[in-house]
Amino acid sequence: MTKLTKSNLFKMYDSKPETAMEKTTRVVRQMVEEETEQRLAKISRLRSTRLEREANTPSETTAKTARKLRSSRTVSK
């Protein structure tokens, strides 16, 4: 009877090489994930900028809206 060791008890199987389609899929998924991260970063940056701008100038839009309402009422009479 042979002596059992790691080398003869557990056989080392080479993993199956990656096919061309699997490589393409992996690369495309990586590209899509990177684009998604960039898009989300841009959206959050633009949103924070817009909210900051709106917080600094809310009175101007209210005054313009009130003027438009007044002028439209006088025209319809």
PDB file of N, CA and C in Angstrom:
ATOM      1  N   MET A   1       0.844  -1.172   0.000  1.00  0.00           N
ATOM      2  CA  MET A   1       0.000   0.000   0.000  1.00  0.00           C
ATOM      3  C   MET A   1       0.887   1.232   0.000  1.00  0.00           C
ATOM      4  N   THR A   2       0.479   2.245  -0.790  1.00  0.00           N
ATOM      5  CA  THR A   2       1.302   3.447  -0.887  1.00  0.00           C
ATOM      6  C   THR A   2       0.958   4.408   0.246  1.00  0.00           C
ATOM      7  N   LYS A   3       1.945   5.192   0.573  1.00  0.00           N
ATOM      8  CA  LYS A   3       1.760   6.175   1.617  1.00  0.00           C
ATOM      9  C   LYS A   3       1.002   7.371   1.056  1.00  0.00           C
ATOM     10  N   LEU A   4      -0.031   7.833   1.795  1.00  0.00           N
ATOM     11  CA  LEU A   4      -0.848   8.941   1.330  1.00  0.00           C
ATOM     12  C   LEU A   4      -0.193  10.273   1.702  1.00  0.00           C
ATOM     13  N   THR A   5      -0.098  11.131   0.722  1.00  0.00           N
ATOM     14  CA  THR A   5       0.417  12.488   0.940  1.00  0.00           C
ATOM     15  C   THR A   5      -0.518  13.466   0.240  1.00  0.00           C
ATOM     16  N   LYS A   6      -0.232  14.748   0.454  1.00  0.00           N
ATOM     17  CA  LYS A   6      -1.075  15.765  -0.187  1.00  0.00           C
ATOM     18  C   LYS A   6      -1.039  15.640  -1.707  1.00  0.00           C
ATOM     19  N   SER A   7       0.100  15.321  -2.230  1.00  0.00           N
ATOM     20  CA  SER A   7       0.242  15.284  -3.682  1.00  0.00           C
ATOM     21  C   SER A   7      -0.493  14.115  -4.323  1.00  0.00           C
ATOM     22  N   ASN A   8      -0.620  13.002  -3.650  1.00  0.00           N
ATOM     23  CA  ASN A   8      -1.316  11.896  -4.286  1.00  0.00           C
ATOM     24  C   ASN A   8      -2.735  11.681  -3.745  1.00  0.00           C
ATOM     25  N   LEU A   9      -3.089  12.319  -2.645  1.00  0.00           N
ATOM     26  CA  LEU A   9      -4.436  12.194  -2.113  1.00  0.00           C
ATOM     27  C   LEU A   9      -5.384  13.187  -2.794  1.00  0.00           C
ATOM     28  N   PHE A  10      -4.931  14.415  -2.899  1.00  0.00           N
ATOM     29  CA  PHE A  10      -5.740  15.454  -3.538  1.00  0.00           C
ATOM     30  C   PHE A  10      -5.138  15.775  -4.898  1.00  0.00           C
ATOM     31  N   LYS A  11      -5.861  15.465  -5.909  1.00  0.00           N
ATOM     32  CA  LYS A  11      -5.366  15.728  -7.244  1.00  0.00           C
ATOM     33  C   LYS A  11      -5.553  17.200  -7.582  1.00  0.00           C
ATOM     34  N   MET A  12      -4.547  17.775  -8.184  1.00  0.00           N
ATOM     35  CA  MET A  12      -4.608  19.163  -8.610  1.00  0.00           C
ATOM     36  C   MET A  12      -5.194  19.199 -10.008  1.00  0.00           C
ATOM     37  N   TYR A  13      -6.307  19.878 -10.125  1.00  0.00           N
ATOM     38  CA  TYR A  13      -6.931  20.033 -11.426  1.00  0.00           C
ATOM     39  C   TYR A  13      -6.677  21.453 -11.903  1.00  0.00           C
ATOM     40  N   ASP A  14      -6.221  21.540 -13.116  1.00  0.00           N
ATOM     41  CA  ASP A  14      -6.044  22.853 -13.713  1.00  0.00           C
ATOM     42  C   ASP A  14      -7.421  23.391 -14.065  1.00  0.00           C
ATOM     43  N   SER A  15      -7.604  24.659 -13.772  1.00  0.00           N
ATOM     44  CA  SER A  15      -8.890  25.237 -14.123  1.00  0.00           C
ATOM     45  C   SER A  15      -8.989  25.364 -15.639  1.00  0.00           C
ATOM     46  N   LYS A  16     -10.176  25.255 -16.108  1.00  0.00           N
ATOM     47  CA  LYS A  16     -10.433  25.321 -17.539  1.00  0.00           C
ATOM     48  C   LYS A  16     -10.050  26.718 -18.030  1.00  0.00           C
ATOM     49  N   PRO A  17      -9.325  26.831 -19.104  1.00  0.00           N
ATOM     50  CA  PRO A  17      -8.944  28.153 -19.599  1.00  0.00           C
ATOM     51  C   PRO A  17     -10.177  28.969 -19.993  1.00  0.00           C
ATOM     52  N   GLU A  18     -10.056  30.257 -19.830  1.00  0.00           N
ATOM     53  CA  GLU A  18     -11.159  31.155 -20.128  1.00  0.00           C
ATOM     54  C   GLU A  18     -11.358  31.236 -21.650  1.00  0.00           C
ATOM     55  N   THR A  19     -12.583  31.051 -22.078  1.00  0.00           N
ATOM     56  CA  THR A  19     -12.864  31.117 -23.510  1.00  0.00           C
ATOM     57  C   THR A  19     -12.906  32.575 -23.967  1.00  0.00           C
ATOM     58  N   ALA A  20     -12.902  32.770 -25.259  1.00  0.00           N
ATOM     59  CA  ALA A  20     -12.929  34.122 -25.815  1.00  0.00           C
ATOM     60  C   ALA A  20     -14.222  34.838 -25.432  1.00  0.00           C
ATOM     61  N   MET A  21     -15.328  34.123 -25.427  1.00  0.00           N
ATOM     62  CA  MET A  21     -16.604  34.728 -25.062  1.00  0.00           C
ATOM     63  C   MET A  21     -16.608  35.133 -23.590  1.00  0.00           C
ATOM     64  N   GLU A  22     -16.034  34.321 -22.729  1.00  0.00           N
ATOM     65  CA  GLU A  22     -15.958  34.649 -21.305  1.00  0.00           C
ATOM     66  C   GLU A  22     -15.067  35.864 -21.073  1.00  0.00           C
ATOM     67  N   LYS A  23     -13.982  35.974 -21.817  1.00  0.00           N
ATOM     68  CA  LYS A  23     -13.110  37.143 -21.712  1.00  0.00           C
ATOM     69  C   LYS A  23     -13.858  38.408 -22.117  1.00  0.00           C
ATOM     70  N   THR A  24     -14.571  38.312 -23.239  1.00  0.00           N
ATOM     71  CA  THR A  24     -15.332  39.457 -23.732  1.00  0.00           C
ATOM     72  C   THR A  24     -16.392  39.863 -22.724  1.00  0.00           C
ATOM     73  N   THR A  25     -17.100  38.899 -22.178  1.00  0.00           N
ATOM     74  CA  THR A  25     -18.138  39.179 -21.191  1.00  0.00           C
ATOM     75  C   THR A  25     -17.544  39.855 -19.959  1.00  0.00           C
ATOM     76  N   ARG A  26     -16.427  39.361 -19.493  1.00  0.00           N
ATOM     77  CA  ARG A  26     -15.785  39.933 -18.306  1.00  0.00           C
ATOM     78  C   ARG A  26     -15.365  41.375 -18.554  1.00  0.00           C
ATOM     79  N   VAL A  27     -14.764  41.631 -19.707  1.00  0.00           N
ATOM     80  CA  VAL A  27     -14.291  42.980 -20.036  1.00  0.00           C
ATOM     81  C   VAL A  27     -15.465  43.938 -20.195  1.00  0.00           C
ATOM     82  N   VAL A  28     -16.521  43.490 -20.871  1.00  0.00           N
ATOM     83  CA  VAL A  28     -17.684  44.350 -21.082  1.00  0.00           C
ATOM     84  C   VAL A  28     -18.360  44.672 -19.756  1.00  0.00           C
ATOM     85  N   ARG A  29     -18.493  43.690 -18.889  1.00  0.00           N
ATOM     86  CA  ARG A  29     -19.102  43.946 -17.577  1.00  0.00           C
ATOM     87  C   ARG A  29     -18.278  44.943 -16.781  1.00  0.00           C
ATOM     88  N   GLN A  30     -16.977  44.819 -16.839  1.00  0.00           N
ATOM     89  CA  GLN A  30     -16.097  45.753 -16.145  1.00  0.00           C
ATOM     90  C   GLN A  30     -16.279  47.167 -16.701  1.00  0.00           C
ATOM     91  N   MET A  31     -16.365  47.289 -18.021  1.00  0.00           N
ATOM     92  CA  MET A  31     -16.551  48.599 -18.645  1.00  0.00           C
ATOM     93  C   MET A  31     -17.889  49.214 -18.239  1.00  0.00           C
ATOM     94  N   VAL A  32     -18.940  48.406 -18.226  1.00  0.00           N
ATOM     95  CA  VAL A  32     -20.268  48.893 -17.858  1.00  0.00           C
ATOM     96  C   VAL A  32     -20.277  49.350 -16.403  1.00  0.00           C
ATOM     97  N   GLU A  33     -19.634  48.594 -15.521  1.00  0.00           N
ATOM     98  CA  GLU A  33     -19.572  48.970 -14.112  1.00  0.00           C
ATOM     99  C   GLU A  33     -18.832  50.292 -13.926  1.00  0.00           C
ATOM    100  N   GLU A  34     -17.733  50.483 -14.647  1.00  0.00           N
ATOM    101  CA  GLU A  34     -16.975  51.732 -14.554  1.00  0.00           C
ATOM    102  C   GLU A  34     -17.796  52.907 -15.057  1.00  0.00           C
ATOM    103  N   GLU A  35     -18.506  52.711 -16.174  1.00  0.00           N
ATOM    104  CA  GLU A  35     -19.349  53.776 -16.721  1.00  0.00           C
ATOM    105  C   GLU A  35     -20.475  54.126 -15.751  1.00  0.00           C
ATOM    106  N   THR A  36     -21.037  53.116 -15.101  1.00  0.00           N
ATOM    107  CA  THR A  36     -22.106  53.344 -14.133  1.00  0.00           C
ATOM    108  C   THR A  36     -21.593  54.145 -12.947  1.00  0.00           C
ATOM    109  N   GLU A  37     -20.415  53.797 -12.453  1.00  0.00           N
ATOM    110  CA  GLU A  37     -19.831  54.541 -11.334  1.00  0.00           C
ATOM    111  C   GLU A  37     -19.587  55.997 -11.721  1.00  0.00           C
ATOM    112  N   GLN A  38     -19.060  56.213 -12.920  1.00  0.00           N
ATOM    113  CA  GLN A  38     -18.799  57.578 -13.384  1.00  0.00           C
ATOM    114  C   GLN A  38     -20.100  58.354 -13.541  1.00  0.00           C
ATOM    115  N   ARG A  39     -21.133  57.713 -14.085  1.00  0.00           N
ATOM    116  CA  ARG A  39     -22.418  58.371 -14.275  1.00  0.00           C
ATOM    117  C   ARG A  39     -23.043  58.749 -12.938  1.00  0.00           C
ATOM    118  N   LEU A  40     -23.002  57.842 -11.962  1.00  0.00           N
ATOM    119  CA  LEU A  40     -23.572  58.126 -10.644  1.00  0.00           C
ATOM    120  C   LEU A  40     -22.811  59.245  -9.943  1.00  0.00           C
ATOM    121  N   ALA A  41     -21.491  59.278 -10.107  1.00  0.00           N
ATOM    122  CA  ALA A  41     -20.701  60.356  -9.510  1.00  0.00           C
ATOM    123  C   ALA A  41     -21.068  61.695 -10.141  1.00  0.00           C
ATOM    124  N   LYS A  42     -21.241  61.707 -11.443  1.00  0.00           N
ATOM    125  CA  LYS A  42     -21.608  62.946 -12.142  1.00  0.00           C
ATOM    126  C   LYS A  42     -22.998  63.407 -11.717  1.00  0.00           C
ATOM    127  N   ILE A  43     -23.942  62.482 -11.624  1.00  0.00           N
ATOM    128  CA  ILE A  43     -25.301  62.827 -11.218  1.00  0.00           C
ATOM    129  C   ILE A  43     -25.308  63.417  -9.818  1.00  0.00           C
ATOM    130  N   SER A  44     -24.603  62.804  -8.901  1.00  0.00           N
ATOM    131  CA  SER A  44     -24.590  63.316  -7.524  1.00  0.00           C
ATOM    132  C   SER A  44     -23.911  64.681  -7.455  1.00  0.00           C
ATOM    133  N   ARG A  45     -22.860  64.888  -8.244  1.00  0.00           N
ATOM    134  CA  ARG A  45     -22.175  66.181  -8.269  1.00  0.00           C
ATOM    135  C   ARG A  45     -23.100  67.261  -8.816  1.00  0.00           C
ATOM    136  N   LEU A  46     -23.790  66.963  -9.918  1.00  0.00           N
ATOM    137  CA  LEU A  46     -24.709  67.930 -10.508  1.00  0.00           C
ATOM    138  C   LEU A  46     -25.897  68.209  -9.592  1.00  0.00           C
ATOM    139  N   ARG A  47     -26.401  67.180  -8.934  1.00  0.00           N
ATOM    140  CA  ARG A  47     -27.530  67.362  -8.028  1.00  0.00           C
ATOM    141  C   ARG A  47     -27.154  68.254  -6.856  1.00  0.00           C
ATOM    142  N   SER A  48     -25.989  68.013  -6.279  1.00  0.00           N
ATOM    143  CA  SER A  48     -25.573  68.844  -5.142  1.00  0.00           C
ATOM    144  C   SER A  48     -25.344  70.292  -5.572  1.00  0.00           C
ATOM    145  N   THR A  49     -24.800  70.487  -6.758  1.00  0.00           N
ATOM    146  CA  THR A  49     -24.605  71.841  -7.271  1.00  0.00           C
ATOM    147  C   THR A  49     -25.937  72.540  -7.497  1.00  0.00           C
ATOM    148  N   ARG A  50     -26.901  71.827  -8.077  1.00  0.00           N
ATOM    149  CA  ARG A  50     -28.218  72.400  -8.322  1.00  0.00           C
ATOM    150  C   ARG A  50     -28.918  72.752  -7.017  1.00  0.00           C
ATOM    151  N   LEU A  51     -28.869  71.853  -6.039  1.00  0.00           N
ATOM    152  CA  LEU A  51     -29.506  72.124  -4.756  1.00  0.00           C
ATOM    153  C   LEU A  51     -28.860  73.303  -4.046  1.00  0.00           C
ATOM    154  N   GLU A  52     -27.556  73.401  -4.153  1.00  0.00           N
ATOM    155  CA  GLU A  52     -26.858  74.538  -3.544  1.00  0.00           C
ATOM    156  C   GLU A  52     -27.280  75.841  -4.220  1.00  0.00           C
ATOM    157  N   ARG A  53     -27.362  75.826  -5.538  1.00  0.00           N
ATOM    158  CA  ARG A  53     -27.768  77.022  -6.280  1.00  0.00           C
ATOM    159  C   ARG A  53     -29.200  77.412  -5.933  1.00  0.00           C
ATOM    160  N   GLU A  54     -30.095  76.436  -5.850  1.00  0.00           N
ATOM    161  CA  GLU A  54     -31.485  76.718  -5.503  1.00  0.00           C
ATOM    162  C   GLU A  54     -31.622  77.243  -4.081  1.00  0.00           C
ATOM    163  N   ALA A  55     -30.794  76.760  -3.180  1.00  0.00           N
ATOM    164  CA  ALA A  55     -30.849  77.218  -1.796  1.00  0.00           C
ATOM    165  C   ALA A  55     -30.395  78.666  -1.680  1.00  0.00           C
ATOM    166  N   ASN A  56     -29.507  79.094  -2.550  1.00  0.00           N
ATOM    167  CA  ASN A  56     -28.986  80.458  -2.489  1.00  0.00           C
ATOM    168  C   ASN A  56     -29.884  81.483  -3.161  1.00  0.00           C
ATOM    169  N   THR A  57     -30.718  81.083  -4.115  1.00  0.00           N
ATOM    170  CA  THR A  57     -31.533  82.050  -4.856  1.00  0.00           C
ATOM    171  C   THR A  57     -32.993  81.620  -4.972  1.00  0.00           C
ATOM    172  N   PRO A  58     -33.731  81.429  -3.891  1.00  0.00           N
ATOM    173  CA  PRO A  58     -35.139  81.050  -4.037  1.00  0.00           C
ATOM    174  C   PRO A  58     -36.067  82.254  -4.236  1.00  0.00           C
ATOM    175  N   SER A  59     -35.694  83.449  -3.788  1.00  0.00           N
ATOM    176  CA  SER A  59     -36.590  84.602  -3.835  1.00  0.00           C
ATOM    177  C   SER A  59     -36.789  85.119  -5.252  1.00  0.00           C
ATOM    178  N   GLU A  60     -35.824  85.037  -6.122  1.00  0.00           N
ATOM    179  CA  GLU A  60     -35.942  85.550  -7.482  1.00  0.00           C
ATOM    180  C   GLU A  60     -37.000  84.799  -8.280  1.00  0.00           C
ATOM    181  N   THR A  61     -37.067  83.514  -8.151  1.00  0.00           N
ATOM    182  CA  THR A  61     -38.036  82.738  -8.920  1.00  0.00           C
ATOM    183  C   THR A  61     -39.449  83.028  -8.440  1.00  0.00           C
ATOM    184  N   THR A  62     -39.655  83.257  -7.159  1.00  0.00           N
ATOM    185  CA  THR A  62     -40.978  83.554  -6.631  1.00  0.00           C
ATOM    186  C   THR A  62     -41.462  84.901  -7.153  1.00  0.00           C
ATOM    187  N   ALA A  63     -40.605  85.898  -7.190  1.00  0.00           N
ATOM    188  CA  ALA A  63     -40.984  87.220  -7.675  1.00  0.00           C
ATOM    189  C   ALA A  63     -41.336  87.181  -9.159  1.00  0.00           C
ATOM    190  N   LYS A  64     -40.607  86.451  -9.956  1.00  0.00           N
ATOM    191  CA  LYS A  64     -40.881  86.359 -11.382  1.00  0.00           C
ATOM    192  C   LYS A  64     -42.216  85.668 -11.633  1.00  0.00           C
ATOM    193  N   THR A  65     -42.519  84.648 -10.865  1.00  0.00           N
ATOM    194  CA  THR A  65     -43.772  83.922 -11.026  1.00  0.00           C
ATOM    195  C   THR A  65     -44.948  84.819 -10.685  1.00  0.00           C
ATOM    196  N   ALA A  66     -44.833  85.603  -9.631  1.00  0.00           N
ATOM    197  CA  ALA A  66     -45.905  86.508  -9.228  1.00  0.00           C
ATOM    198  C   ALA A  66     -46.147  87.555 -10.308  1.00  0.00           C
ATOM    199  N   ARG A  67     -45.127  88.096 -10.914  1.00  0.00           N
ATOM    200  CA  ARG A  67     -45.275  89.087 -11.981  1.00  0.00           C
ATOM    201  C   ARG A  67     -45.997  88.492 -13.190  1.00  0.00           C
ATOM    202  N   LYS A  68     -45.653  87.265 -13.535  1.00  0.00           N
ATOM    203  CA  LYS A  68     -46.287  86.614 -14.677  1.00  0.00           C
ATOM    204  C   LYS A  68     -47.781  86.406 -14.422  1.00  0.00           C
ATOM    205  N   LEU A  69     -48.134  86.032 -13.202  1.00  0.00           N
ATOM    206  CA  LEU A  69     -49.536  85.819 -12.872  1.00  0.00           C
ATOM    207  C   LEU A  69     -50.310  87.132 -12.968  1.00  0.00           C
ATOM    208  N   ARG A  70     -49.759  88.211 -12.464  1.00  0.00           N
ATOM    209  CA  ARG A  70     -50.428  89.504 -12.502  1.00  0.00           C
ATOM    210  C   ARG A  70     -50.633  89.973 -13.939  1.00  0.00           C
ATOM    211  N   SER A  71     -49.610  89.823 -14.767  1.00  0.00           N
ATOM    212  CA  SER A  71     -49.716  90.279 -16.152  1.00  0.00           C
ATOM    213  C   SER A  71     -50.703  89.437 -16.949  1.00  0.00           C
ATOM    214  N   SER A  72     -50.804  88.168 -16.678  1.00  0.00           N
ATOM    215  CA  SER A  72     -51.734  87.316 -17.416  1.00  0.00           C
ATOM    216  C   SER A  72     -53.170  87.610 -17.022  1.00  0.00           C
ATOM    217  N   ARG A  73     -53.430  88.056 -15.797  1.00  0.00           N
ATOM    218  CA  ARG A  73     -54.790  88.392 -15.359  1.00  0.00           C
ATOM    219  C   ARG A  73     -55.277  89.666 -16.036  1.00  0.00           C
ATOM    220  N   THR A  74     -54.409  90.610 -16.207  1.00  0.00           N
ATOM    221  CA  THR A  74     -54.823  91.879 -16.823  1.00  0.00           C
ATOM    222  C   THR A  74     -55.112  91.704 -18.307  1.00  0.00           C
ATOM    223  N   VAL A  75     -54.459  90.819 -18.956  1.00  0.00           N
ATOM    224  CA  VAL A  75     -54.645  90.596 -20.396  1.00  0.00           C
ATOM    225  C   VAL A  75     -55.981  89.923 -20.648  1.00  0.00           C
ATOM    226  N   SER A  76     -56.386  88.995 -19.802  1.00  0.00           N
ATOM    227  CA  SER A  76     -57.602  88.226 -20.050  1.00  0.00           C
ATOM    228  C   SER A  76     -58.876  89.018 -19.789  1.00  0.00           C
ATOM    229  N   LYS A  77     -58.844  90.169 -19.122  1.00  0.00           N
ATOM    230  CA  LYS A  77     -60.071  90.954 -18.846  1.00  0.00           C
ATOM    231  C   LYS A  77     -60.594  91.638 -20.037  1.00  0.00           C
TER     232      LYS A  77
END
